[in-house]
């Protein structure tokens, strides 16, 4: 892998580590695997470097990675992460103080 790509990716990692507000602006409340995000970012940076001579991703490319990572997780899995509860049966969730909910 080219040194320019490694420097670019490491600079982005350090930037998001130091600036939590920028991280929140980029990802919002989404639960995204950072390692997978940076792996995909590295792949696209490599393609950019081969095509244009610079590894820099556009804003659109960065958000495309976020969109790809969030759409690969099903809506039910995202809901379960938010609720932090395990389903009792398929698409059934029981929350304390509420009747059972069945998603049709």
PDB file of N, CA and C in Angstrom:
ATOM      1  N   UNK A   1       0.858  -1.177   0.000  1.00  0.00           N
ATOM      2  CA  UNK A   1       0.000   0.000   0.000  1.00  0.00           C
ATOM      3  C   UNK A   1       0.902   1.236   0.000  1.00  0.00           C
ATOM      4  N   UNK A   2       0.464   2.237  -0.694  1.00  0.00           N
ATOM      5  CA  UNK A   2       1.232   3.471  -0.826  1.00  0.00           C
ATOM      6  C   UNK A   2       1.272   4.240   0.496  1.00  0.00           C
ATOM      7  N   UNK A   3       2.390   4.892   0.752  1.00  0.00           N
ATOM      8  CA  UNK A   3       2.577   5.662   1.979  1.00  0.00           C
ATOM      9  C   UNK A   3       1.577   6.819   2.056  1.00  0.00           C
ATOM     10  N   UNK A   4       1.270   7.436   0.928  1.00  0.00           N
ATOM     11  CA  UNK A   4       0.312   8.547   0.922  1.00  0.00           C
ATOM     12  C   UNK A   4      -1.065   8.109   1.423  1.00  0.00           C
ATOM     13  N   UNK A   5      -1.453   6.910   1.044  1.00  0.00           N
ATOM     14  CA  UNK A   5      -2.750   6.374   1.480  1.00  0.00           C
ATOM     15  C   UNK A   5      -2.735   6.135   2.987  1.00  0.00           C
ATOM     16  N   UNK A   6      -1.666   5.530   3.480  1.00  0.00           N
ATOM     17  CA  UNK A   6      -1.549   5.268   4.925  1.00  0.00           C
ATOM     18  C   UNK A   6      -1.578   6.565   5.728  1.00  0.00           C
ATOM     19  N   UNK A   7      -0.862   7.574   5.260  1.00  0.00           N
ATOM     20  CA  UNK A   7      -0.848   8.867   5.958  1.00  0.00           C
ATOM     21  C   UNK A   7      -2.238   9.486   5.953  1.00  0.00           C
ATOM     22  N   UNK A   8      -2.918   9.441   4.809  1.00  0.00           N
ATOM     23  CA  UNK A   8      -4.264  10.013   4.698  1.00  0.00           C
ATOM     24  C   UNK A   8      -5.232   9.347   5.666  1.00  0.00           C
ATOM     25  N   UNK A   9      -5.243   8.024   5.672  1.00  0.00           N
ATOM     26  CA  UNK A   9      -6.175   7.282   6.532  1.00  0.00           C
ATOM     27  C   UNK A   9      -5.841   7.507   8.006  1.00  0.00           C
ATOM     28  N   UNK A  10      -4.565   7.472   8.357  1.00  0.00           N
ATOM     29  CA  UNK A  10      -4.180   7.706   9.757  1.00  0.00           C
ATOM     30  C   UNK A  10      -4.518   9.119  10.208  1.00  0.00           C
ATOM     31  N   UNK A  11      -4.362  10.103   9.332  1.00  0.00           N
ATOM     32  CA  UNK A  11      -4.749  11.476   9.675  1.00  0.00           C
ATOM     33  C   UNK A  11      -6.250  11.579   9.940  1.00  0.00           C
ATOM     34  N   UNK A  12      -7.053  10.897   9.121  1.00  0.00           N
ATOM     35  CA  UNK A  12      -8.505  10.907   9.352  1.00  0.00           C
ATOM     36  C   UNK A  12      -8.861  10.224  10.674  1.00  0.00           C
ATOM     37  N   UNK A  13      -8.210   9.105  10.963  1.00  0.00           N
ATOM     38  CA  UNK A  13      -8.476   8.406  12.227  1.00  0.00           C
ATOM     39  C   UNK A  13      -8.155   9.311  13.411  1.00  0.00           C
ATOM     40  N   UNK A  14      -7.022   9.956  13.363  1.00  0.00           N
ATOM     41  CA  UNK A  14      -6.622  10.858  14.455  1.00  0.00           C
ATOM     42  C   UNK A  14      -7.568  12.055  14.555  1.00  0.00           C
ATOM     43  N   UNK A  15      -7.993  12.575  13.420  1.00  0.00           N
ATOM     44  CA  UNK A  15      -8.910  13.717  13.420  1.00  0.00           C
ATOM     45  C   UNK A  15     -10.214  13.353  14.121  1.00  0.00           C
ATOM     46  N   UNK A  16     -10.808  12.211  13.746  1.00  0.00           N
ATOM     47  CA  UNK A  16     -12.075  11.810  14.358  1.00  0.00           C
ATOM     48  C   UNK A  16     -11.883  11.429  15.826  1.00  0.00           C
ATOM     49  N   UNK A  17     -10.694  10.956  16.185  1.00  0.00           N
ATOM     50  CA  UNK A  17     -10.426  10.623  17.581  1.00  0.00           C
ATOM     51  C   UNK A  17     -10.337  11.894  18.438  1.00  0.00           C
ATOM     52  N   UNK A  18      -9.708  12.937  17.889  1.00  0.00           N
ATOM     53  CA  UNK A  18      -9.533  14.190  18.631  1.00  0.00           C
ATOM     54  C   UNK A  18     -10.785  15.060  18.621  1.00  0.00           C
ATOM     55  N   UNK A  19     -11.519  15.071  17.518  1.00  0.00           N
ATOM     56  CA  UNK A  19     -12.660  15.975  17.372  1.00  0.00           C
ATOM     57  C   UNK A  19     -13.965  15.172  17.398  1.00  0.00           C
ATOM     58  N   UNK A  20     -14.494  14.957  18.591  1.00  0.00           N
ATOM     59  CA  UNK A  20     -15.714  14.167  18.747  1.00  0.00           C
ATOM     60  C   UNK A  20     -16.922  14.828  18.080  1.00  0.00           C
ATOM     61  N   UNK A  21     -16.943  16.170  18.030  1.00  0.00           N
ATOM     62  CA  UNK A  21     -18.060  16.858  17.390  1.00  0.00           C
ATOM     63  C   UNK A  21     -18.076  16.554  15.891  1.00  0.00           C
ATOM     64  N   UNK A  22     -16.922  16.528  15.273  1.00  0.00           N
ATOM     65  CA  UNK A  22     -16.845  16.187  13.849  1.00  0.00           C
ATOM     66  C   UNK A  22     -17.324  14.757  13.625  1.00  0.00           C
ATOM     67  N   UNK A  23     -16.973  13.859  14.546  1.00  0.00           N
ATOM     68  CA  UNK A  23     -17.435  12.479  14.450  1.00  0.00           C
ATOM     69  C   UNK A  23     -18.960  12.416  14.547  1.00  0.00           C
ATOM     70  N   UNK A  24     -19.539  13.169  15.483  1.00  0.00           N
ATOM     71  CA  UNK A  24     -20.996  13.197  15.636  1.00  0.00           C
ATOM     72  C   UNK A  24     -21.662  13.809  14.412  1.00  0.00           C
ATOM     73  N   UNK A  25     -21.040  14.855  13.847  1.00  0.00           N
ATOM     74  CA  UNK A  25     -21.597  15.471  12.643  1.00  0.00           C
ATOM     75  C   UNK A  25     -21.590  14.504  11.467  1.00  0.00           C
ATOM     76  N   UNK A  26     -20.560  13.689  11.386  1.00  0.00           N
ATOM     77  CA  UNK A  26     -20.428  12.751  10.277  1.00  0.00           C
ATOM     78  C   UNK A  26     -21.354  11.557  10.422  1.00  0.00           C
ATOM     79  N   UNK A  27     -21.408  10.980  11.630  1.00  0.00           N
ATOM     80  CA  UNK A  27     -22.141   9.738  11.831  1.00  0.00           C
ATOM     81  C   UNK A  27     -23.438   9.892  12.603  1.00  0.00           C
ATOM     82  N   UNK A  28     -23.660  11.022  13.227  1.00  0.00           N
ATOM     83  CA  UNK A  28     -24.881  11.235  13.997  1.00  0.00           C
ATOM     84  C   UNK A  28     -25.009  10.212  15.105  1.00  0.00           C
ATOM     85  N   UNK A  29     -26.187   9.629  15.240  1.00  0.00           N
ATOM     86  CA  UNK A  29     -26.425   8.636  16.286  1.00  0.00           C
ATOM     87  C   UNK A  29     -26.286   7.215  15.754  1.00  0.00           C
ATOM     88  N   UNK A  30     -25.829   7.075  14.517  1.00  0.00           N
ATOM     89  CA  UNK A  30     -25.688   5.747  13.921  1.00  0.00           C
ATOM     90  C   UNK A  30     -24.585   4.966  14.617  1.00  0.00           C
ATOM     91  N   UNK A  31     -24.817   3.689  14.769  1.00  0.00           N
ATOM     92  CA  UNK A  31     -23.785   2.817  15.323  1.00  0.00           C
ATOM     93  C   UNK A  31     -23.062   2.178  14.155  1.00  0.00           C
ATOM     94  N   UNK A  32     -21.869   2.685  13.883  1.00  0.00           N
ATOM     95  CA  UNK A  32     -21.086   2.213  12.751  1.00  0.00           C
ATOM     96  C   UNK A  32     -19.778   1.639  13.275  1.00  0.00           C
ATOM     97  N   UNK A  33     -19.403   0.506  12.744  1.00  0.00           N
ATOM     98  CA  UNK A  33     -18.125  -0.110  13.089  1.00  0.00           C
ATOM     99  C   UNK A  33     -17.019   0.743  12.468  1.00  0.00           C
ATOM    100  N   UNK A  34     -16.258   1.426  13.324  1.00  0.00           N
ATOM    101  CA  UNK A  34     -15.227   2.343  12.831  1.00  0.00           C
ATOM    102  C   UNK A  34     -14.164   1.614  12.018  1.00  0.00           C
ATOM    103  N   UNK A  35     -13.785   0.427  12.451  1.00  0.00           N
ATOM    104  CA  UNK A  35     -12.745  -0.311  11.726  1.00  0.00           C
ATOM    105  C   UNK A  35     -13.212  -0.671  10.319  1.00  0.00           C
ATOM    106  N   UNK A  36     -14.463  -1.099  10.208  1.00  0.00           N
ATOM    107  CA  UNK A  36     -15.011  -1.425   8.894  1.00  0.00           C
ATOM    108  C   UNK A  36     -15.113  -0.167   8.029  1.00  0.00           C
ATOM    109  N   UNK A  37     -15.505   0.951   8.649  1.00  0.00           N
ATOM    110  CA  UNK A  37     -15.580   2.220   7.924  1.00  0.00           C
ATOM    111  C   UNK A  37     -14.208   2.591   7.367  1.00  0.00           C
ATOM    112  N   UNK A  38     -13.181   2.516   8.198  1.00  0.00           N
ATOM    113  CA  UNK A  38     -11.851   2.904   7.740  1.00  0.00           C
ATOM    114  C   UNK A  38     -11.259   1.890   6.765  1.00  0.00           C
ATOM    115  N   UNK A  39     -11.680   0.644   6.850  1.00  0.00           N
ATOM    116  CA  UNK A  39     -11.243  -0.348   5.874  1.00  0.00           C
ATOM    117  C   UNK A  39     -11.812  -0.001   4.496  1.00  0.00           C
ATOM    118  N   UNK A  40     -13.109   0.315   4.457  1.00  0.00           N
ATOM    119  CA  UNK A  40     -13.732   0.695   3.192  1.00  0.00           C
ATOM    120  C   UNK A  40     -13.157   2.019   2.682  1.00  0.00           C
ATOM    121  N   UNK A  41     -12.899   2.938   3.604  1.00  0.00           N
ATOM    122  CA  UNK A  41     -12.293   4.215   3.241  1.00  0.00           C
ATOM    123  C   UNK A  41     -10.915   3.987   2.612  1.00  0.00           C
ATOM    124  N   UNK A  42     -10.137   3.070   3.165  1.00  0.00           N
ATOM    125  CA  UNK A  42      -8.818   2.750   2.625  1.00  0.00           C
ATOM    126  C   UNK A  42      -8.935   2.173   1.222  1.00  0.00           C
ATOM    127  N   UNK A  43      -9.928   1.310   1.007  1.00  0.00           N
ATOM    128  CA  UNK A  43     -10.132   0.731  -0.331  1.00  0.00           C
ATOM    129  C   UNK A  43     -10.433   1.810  -1.363  1.00  0.00           C
ATOM    130  N   UNK A  44     -11.317   2.730  -1.011  1.00  0.00           N
ATOM    131  CA  UNK A  44     -11.676   3.798  -1.945  1.00  0.00           C
ATOM    132  C   UNK A  44     -10.507   4.764  -2.132  1.00  0.00           C
ATOM    133  N   UNK A  45      -9.764   5.037  -1.057  1.00  0.00           N
ATOM    134  CA  UNK A  45      -8.587   5.898  -1.166  1.00  0.00           C
ATOM    135  C   UNK A  45      -7.560   5.282  -2.115  1.00  0.00           C
ATOM    136  N   UNK A  46      -7.409   3.965  -2.077  1.00  0.00           N
ATOM    137  CA  UNK A  46      -6.496   3.279  -2.990  1.00  0.00           C
ATOM    138  C   UNK A  46      -6.956   3.438  -4.439  1.00  0.00           C
ATOM    139  N   UNK A  47      -8.265   3.284  -4.657  1.00  0.00           N
ATOM    140  CA  UNK A  47      -8.808   3.475  -6.005  1.00  0.00           C
ATOM    141  C   UNK A  47      -8.592   4.907  -6.476  1.00  0.00           C
ATOM    142  N   UNK A  48      -8.856   5.860  -5.597  1.00  0.00           N
ATOM    143  CA  UNK A  48      -8.651   7.265  -5.953  1.00  0.00           C
ATOM    144  C   UNK A  48      -7.189   7.529  -6.302  1.00  0.00           C
ATOM    145  N   UNK A  49      -6.282   6.941  -5.527  1.00  0.00           N
ATOM    146  CA  UNK A  49      -4.860   7.163  -5.769  1.00  0.00           C
ATOM    147  C   UNK A  49      -4.448   6.607  -7.133  1.00  0.00           C
ATOM    148  N   UNK A  50      -4.988   5.433  -7.482  1.00  0.00           N
ATOM    149  CA  UNK A  50      -4.693   4.842  -8.790  1.00  0.00           C
ATOM    150  C   UNK A  50      -5.260   5.687  -9.926  1.00  0.00           C
ATOM    151  N   UNK A  51      -6.459   6.236  -9.724  1.00  0.00           N
ATOM    152  CA  UNK A  51      -7.136   6.975 -10.794  1.00  0.00           C
ATOM    153  C   UNK A  51      -6.689   8.430 -10.910  1.00  0.00           C
ATOM    154  N   UNK A  52      -6.484   9.095  -9.770  1.00  0.00           N
ATOM    155  CA  UNK A  52      -6.228  10.538  -9.807  1.00  0.00           C
ATOM    156  C   UNK A  52      -4.870  10.934  -9.243  1.00  0.00           C
ATOM    157  N   UNK A  53      -4.188  10.014  -8.571  1.00  0.00           N
ATOM    158  CA  UNK A  53      -2.896  10.334  -7.983  1.00  0.00           C
ATOM    159  C   UNK A  53      -2.983  10.897  -6.574  1.00  0.00           C
ATOM    160  N   UNK A  54      -4.196  11.027  -6.036  1.00  0.00           N
ATOM    161  CA  UNK A  54      -4.386  11.494  -4.658  1.00  0.00           C
ATOM    162  C   UNK A  54      -5.390  10.584  -3.959  1.00  0.00           C
ATOM    163  N   UNK A  55      -5.133  10.228  -2.694  1.00  0.00           N
ATOM    164  CA  UNK A  55      -6.039   9.320  -1.989  1.00  0.00           C
ATOM    165  C   UNK A  55      -7.271  10.000  -1.387  1.00  0.00           C
ATOM    166  N   UNK A  56      -7.345  11.307  -1.454  1.00  0.00           N
ATOM    167  CA  UNK A  56      -8.403  12.059  -0.782  1.00  0.00           C
ATOM    168  C   UNK A  56      -9.785  11.669  -1.298  1.00  0.00           C
ATOM    169  N   UNK A  57     -10.686  11.382  -0.361  1.00  0.00           N
ATOM    170  CA  UNK A  57     -12.075  11.071  -0.705  1.00  0.00           C
ATOM    171  C   UNK A  57     -12.895  12.348  -0.706  1.00  0.00           C
ATOM    172  N   UNK A  58     -13.881  12.376  -1.583  1.00  0.00           N
ATOM    173  CA  UNK A  58     -14.818  13.494  -1.578  1.00  0.00           C
ATOM    174  C   UNK A  58     -15.818  13.279  -0.449  1.00  0.00           C
ATOM    175  N   UNK A  59     -16.536  14.331  -0.119  1.00  0.00           N
ATOM    176  CA  UNK A  59     -17.569  14.224   0.918  1.00  0.00           C
ATOM    177  C   UNK A  59     -18.617  13.199   0.505  1.00  0.00           C
ATOM    178  N   UNK A  60     -18.956  13.179  -0.761  1.00  0.00           N
ATOM    179  CA  UNK A  60     -19.950  12.221  -1.265  1.00  0.00           C
ATOM    180  C   UNK A  60     -19.451  10.794  -1.072  1.00  0.00           C
ATOM    181  N   UNK A  61     -18.182  10.546  -1.360  1.00  0.00           N
ATOM    182  CA  UNK A  61     -17.634   9.202  -1.171  1.00  0.00           C
ATOM    183  C   UNK A  61     -17.676   8.792   0.297  1.00  0.00           C
ATOM    184  N   UNK A  62     -17.382   9.722   1.199  1.00  0.00           N
ATOM    185  CA  UNK A  62     -17.408   9.403   2.633  1.00  0.00           C
ATOM    186  C   UNK A  62     -18.823   9.057   3.082  1.00  0.00           C
ATOM    187  N   UNK A  63     -19.800   9.845   2.637  1.00  0.00           N
ATOM    188  CA  UNK A  63     -21.176   9.572   3.031  1.00  0.00           C
ATOM    189  C   UNK A  63     -21.716   8.320   2.358  1.00  0.00           C
ATOM    190  N   UNK A  64     -21.222   7.996   1.169  1.00  0.00           N
ATOM    191  CA  UNK A  64     -21.627   6.744   0.535  1.00  0.00           C
ATOM    192  C   UNK A  64     -21.204   5.541   1.366  1.00  0.00           C
ATOM    193  N   UNK A  65     -20.028   5.625   1.975  1.00  0.00           N
ATOM    194  CA  UNK A  65     -19.571   4.532   2.851  1.00  0.00           C
ATOM    195  C   UNK A  65     -20.506   4.414   4.053  1.00  0.00           C
ATOM    196  N   UNK A  66     -20.867   5.547   4.643  1.00  0.00           N
ATOM    197  CA  UNK A  66     -21.787   5.536   5.789  1.00  0.00           C
ATOM    198  C   UNK A  66     -23.122   4.930   5.372  1.00  0.00           C
ATOM    199  N   UNK A  67     -23.637   5.356   4.225  1.00  0.00           N
ATOM    200  CA  UNK A  67     -24.921   4.831   3.754  1.00  0.00           C
ATOM    201  C   UNK A  67     -24.823   3.331   3.500  1.00  0.00           C
ATOM    202  N   UNK A  68     -23.726   2.886   2.908  1.00  0.00           N
ATOM    203  CA  UNK A  68     -23.545   1.458   2.643  1.00  0.00           C
ATOM    204  C   UNK A  68     -23.511   0.652   3.943  1.00  0.00           C
ATOM    205  N   UNK A  69     -22.820   1.167   4.940  1.00  0.00           N
ATOM    206  CA  UNK A  69     -22.717   0.447   6.209  1.00  0.00           C
ATOM    207  C   UNK A  69     -24.037   0.433   6.972  1.00  0.00           C
ATOM    208  N   UNK A  70     -24.825   1.477   6.848  1.00  0.00           N
ATOM    209  CA  UNK A  70     -26.092   1.511   7.586  1.00  0.00           C
ATOM    210  C   UNK A  70     -27.184   0.740   6.878  1.00  0.00           C
ATOM    211  N   UNK A  71     -27.127   0.607   5.570  1.00  0.00           N
ATOM    212  CA  UNK A  71     -28.167  -0.139   4.873  1.00  0.00           C
ATOM    213  C   UNK A  71     -27.892  -1.631   4.872  1.00  0.00           C
ATOM    214  N   UNK A  72     -26.676  -2.056   5.208  1.00  0.00           N
ATOM    215  CA  UNK A  72     -26.412  -3.487   5.281  1.00  0.00           C
ATOM    216  C   UNK A  72     -26.969  -4.079   6.567  1.00  0.00           C
ATOM    217  N   UNK A  73     -27.228  -3.250   7.553  1.00  0.00           N
ATOM    218  CA  UNK A  73     -27.829  -3.709   8.801  1.00  0.00           C
ATOM    219  C   UNK A  73     -29.340  -3.579   8.669  1.00  0.00           C
ATOM    220  N   UNK A  74     -30.048  -4.646   8.935  1.00  0.00           N
ATOM    221  CA  UNK A  74     -31.495  -4.605   8.779  1.00  0.00           C
ATOM    222  C   UNK A  74     -32.121  -3.663   9.804  1.00  0.00           C
ATOM    223  N   UNK A  75     -33.315  -3.215   9.478  1.00  0.00           N
ATOM    224  CA  UNK A  75     -34.012  -2.292  10.373  1.00  0.00           C
ATOM    225  C   UNK A  75     -34.286  -2.938  11.731  1.00  0.00           C
ATOM    226  N   UNK A  76     -34.562  -4.208  11.744  1.00  0.00           N
ATOM    227  CA  UNK A  76     -34.827  -4.899  13.010  1.00  0.00           C
ATOM    228  C   UNK A  76     -33.566  -4.903  13.872  1.00  0.00           C
ATOM    229  N   UNK A  77     -32.406  -5.153  13.259  1.00  0.00           N
ATOM    230  CA  UNK A  77     -31.158  -5.149  14.023  1.00  0.00           C
ATOM    231  C   UNK A  77     -30.866  -3.758  14.563  1.00  0.00           C
ATOM    232  N   UNK A  78     -31.121  -2.708  13.766  1.00  0.00           N
ATOM    233  CA  UNK A  78     -30.926  -1.344  14.238  1.00  0.00           C
ATOM    234  C   UNK A  78     -31.858  -1.055  15.408  1.00  0.00           C
ATOM    235  N   UNK A  79     -33.101  -1.501  15.315  1.00  0.00           N
ATOM    236  CA  UNK A  79     -34.059  -1.302  16.396  1.00  0.00           C
ATOM    237  C   UNK A  79     -33.598  -2.018  17.653  1.00  0.00           C
ATOM    238  N   UNK A  80     -33.072  -3.228  17.509  1.00  0.00           N
ATOM    239  CA  UNK A  80     -32.617  -3.986  18.665  1.00  0.00           C
ATOM    240  C   UNK A  80     -31.425  -3.296  19.330  1.00  0.00           C
ATOM    241  N   UNK A  81     -30.549  -2.676  18.547  1.00  0.00           N
ATOM    242  CA  UNK A  81     -29.419  -1.953  19.123  1.00  0.00           C
ATOM    243  C   UNK A  81     -29.907  -0.769  19.940  1.00  0.00           C
ATOM    244  N   UNK A  82     -30.930  -0.082  19.437  1.00  0.00           N
ATOM    245  CA  UNK A  82     -31.465   1.070  20.150  1.00  0.00           C
ATOM    246  C   UNK A  82     -32.144   0.629  21.437  1.00  0.00           C
ATOM    247  N   UNK A  83     -32.941  -0.425  21.360  1.00  0.00           N
ATOM    248  CA  UNK A  83     -33.672  -0.908  22.528  1.00  0.00           C
ATOM    249  C   UNK A  83     -32.789  -1.703  23.485  1.00  0.00           C
ATOM    250  N   UNK A  84     -31.685  -2.260  22.957  1.00  0.00           N
ATOM    251  CA  UNK A  84     -30.755  -3.080  23.742  1.00  0.00           C
ATOM    252  C   UNK A  84     -31.477  -4.232  24.440  1.00  0.00           C
ATOM    253  N   UNK A  85     -32.419  -4.816  23.735  1.00  0.00           N
ATOM    254  CA  UNK A  85     -33.159  -5.974  24.244  1.00  0.00           C
ATOM    255  C   UNK A  85     -33.071  -7.089  23.210  1.00  0.00           C
ATOM    256  N   UNK A  86     -33.169  -8.314  23.658  1.00  0.00           N
ATOM    257  CA  UNK A  86     -33.194  -9.459  22.759  1.00  0.00           C
ATOM    258  C   UNK A  86     -34.647  -9.785  22.424  1.00  0.00           C
ATOM    259  N   UNK A  87     -34.939 -10.119  21.187  1.00  0.00           N
ATOM    260  CA  UNK A  87     -36.319 -10.479  20.843  1.00  0.00           C
ATOM    261  C   UNK A  87     -36.696 -11.825  21.461  1.00  0.00           C
ATOM    262  N   UNK A  88     -37.941 -11.934  21.862  1.00  0.00           N
ATOM    263  CA  UNK A  88     -38.431 -13.184  22.437  1.00  0.00           C
ATOM    264  C   UNK A  88     -38.729 -14.173  21.315  1.00  0.00           C
ATOM    265  N   UNK A  89     -39.350 -13.716  20.283  1.00  0.00           N
ATOM    266  CA  UNK A  89     -39.646 -14.533  19.109  1.00  0.00           C
ATOM    267  C   UNK A  89     -39.419 -13.674  17.893  1.00  0.00           C
ATOM    268  N   UNK A  90     -39.729 -14.193  16.747  1.00  0.00           N
ATOM    269  CA  UNK A  90     -39.512 -13.376  15.557  1.00  0.00           C
ATOM    270  C   UNK A  90     -40.363 -12.110  15.594  1.00  0.00           C
ATOM    271  N   UNK A  91     -39.703 -10.984  15.585  1.00  0.00           N
ATOM    272  CA  UNK A  91     -40.339  -9.669  15.528  1.00  0.00           C
ATOM    273  C   UNK A  91     -41.238  -9.367  16.720  1.00  0.00           C
ATOM    274  N   UNK A  92     -40.986  -9.990  17.862  1.00  0.00           N
ATOM    275  CA  UNK A  92     -41.777  -9.697  19.063  1.00  0.00           C
ATOM    276  C   UNK A  92     -40.853  -9.081  20.094  1.00  0.00           C
ATOM    277  N   UNK A  93     -41.298  -7.997  20.704  1.00  0.00           N
ATOM    278  CA  UNK A  93     -40.495  -7.307  21.709  1.00  0.00           C
ATOM    279  C   UNK A  93     -41.386  -6.994  22.902  1.00  0.00           C
ATOM    280  N   UNK A  94     -40.933  -7.337  24.090  1.00  0.00           N
ATOM    281  CA  UNK A  94     -41.672  -7.010  25.299  1.00  0.00           C
ATOM    282  C   UNK A  94     -40.824  -6.047  26.108  1.00  0.00           C
ATOM    283  N   UNK A  95     -41.373  -4.878  26.345  1.00  0.00           N
ATOM    284  CA  UNK A  95     -40.700  -3.869  27.141  1.00  0.00           C
ATOM    285  C   UNK A  95     -41.402  -3.763  28.477  1.00  0.00           C
ATOM    286  N   UNK A  96     -40.658  -3.562  29.550  1.00  0.00           N
ATOM    287  CA  UNK A  96     -41.306  -3.447  30.869  1.00  0.00           C
ATOM    288  C   UNK A  96     -42.329  -2.325  30.879  1.00  0.00           C
ATOM    289  N   UNK A  97     -43.527  -2.632  31.359  1.00  0.00           N
ATOM    290  CA  UNK A  97     -44.590  -1.642  31.474  1.00  0.00           C
ATOM    291  C   UNK A  97     -45.395  -1.458  30.206  1.00  0.00           C
ATOM    292  N   UNK A  98     -45.096  -2.214  29.150  1.00  0.00           N
ATOM    293  CA  UNK A  98     -45.815  -2.097  27.887  1.00  0.00           C
ATOM    294  C   UNK A  98     -46.285  -3.472  27.445  1.00  0.00           C
ATOM    295  N   UNK A  99     -47.380  -3.538  26.678  1.00  0.00           N
ATOM    296  CA  UNK A  99     -47.813  -4.841  26.169  1.00  0.00           C
ATOM    297  C   UNK A  99     -46.847  -5.330  25.091  1.00  0.00           C
ATOM    298  N   UNK A 100     -46.886  -6.635  24.802  1.00  0.00           N
ATOM    299  CA  UNK A 100     -46.018  -7.167  23.732  1.00  0.00           C
ATOM    300  C   UNK A 100     -46.294  -6.486  22.394  1.00  0.00           C
ATOM    301  N   UNK A 101     -45.255  -6.249  21.649  1.00  0.00           N
ATOM    302  CA  UNK A 101     -45.383  -5.604  20.334  1.00  0.00           C
ATOM    303  C   UNK A 101     -44.977  -6.612  19.274  1.00  0.00           C
ATOM    304  N   UNK A 102     -45.809  -6.750  18.258  1.00  0.00           N
ATOM    305  CA  UNK A 102     -45.506  -7.637  17.141  1.00  0.00           C
ATOM    306  C   UNK A 102     -45.467  -6.809  15.875  1.00  0.00           C
ATOM    307  N   UNK A 103     -44.328  -6.845  15.173  1.00  0.00           N
ATOM    308  CA  UNK A 103     -44.216  -6.096  13.924  1.00  0.00           C
ATOM    309  C   UNK A 103     -44.666  -6.973  12.776  1.00  0.00           C
ATOM    310  N   UNK A 104     -45.683  -6.516  12.082  1.00  0.00           N
ATOM    311  CA  UNK A 104     -46.191  -7.302  10.941  1.00  0.00           C
ATOM    312  C   UNK A 104     -45.547  -6.833   9.669  1.00  0.00           C
TER     313      UNK A 104
END
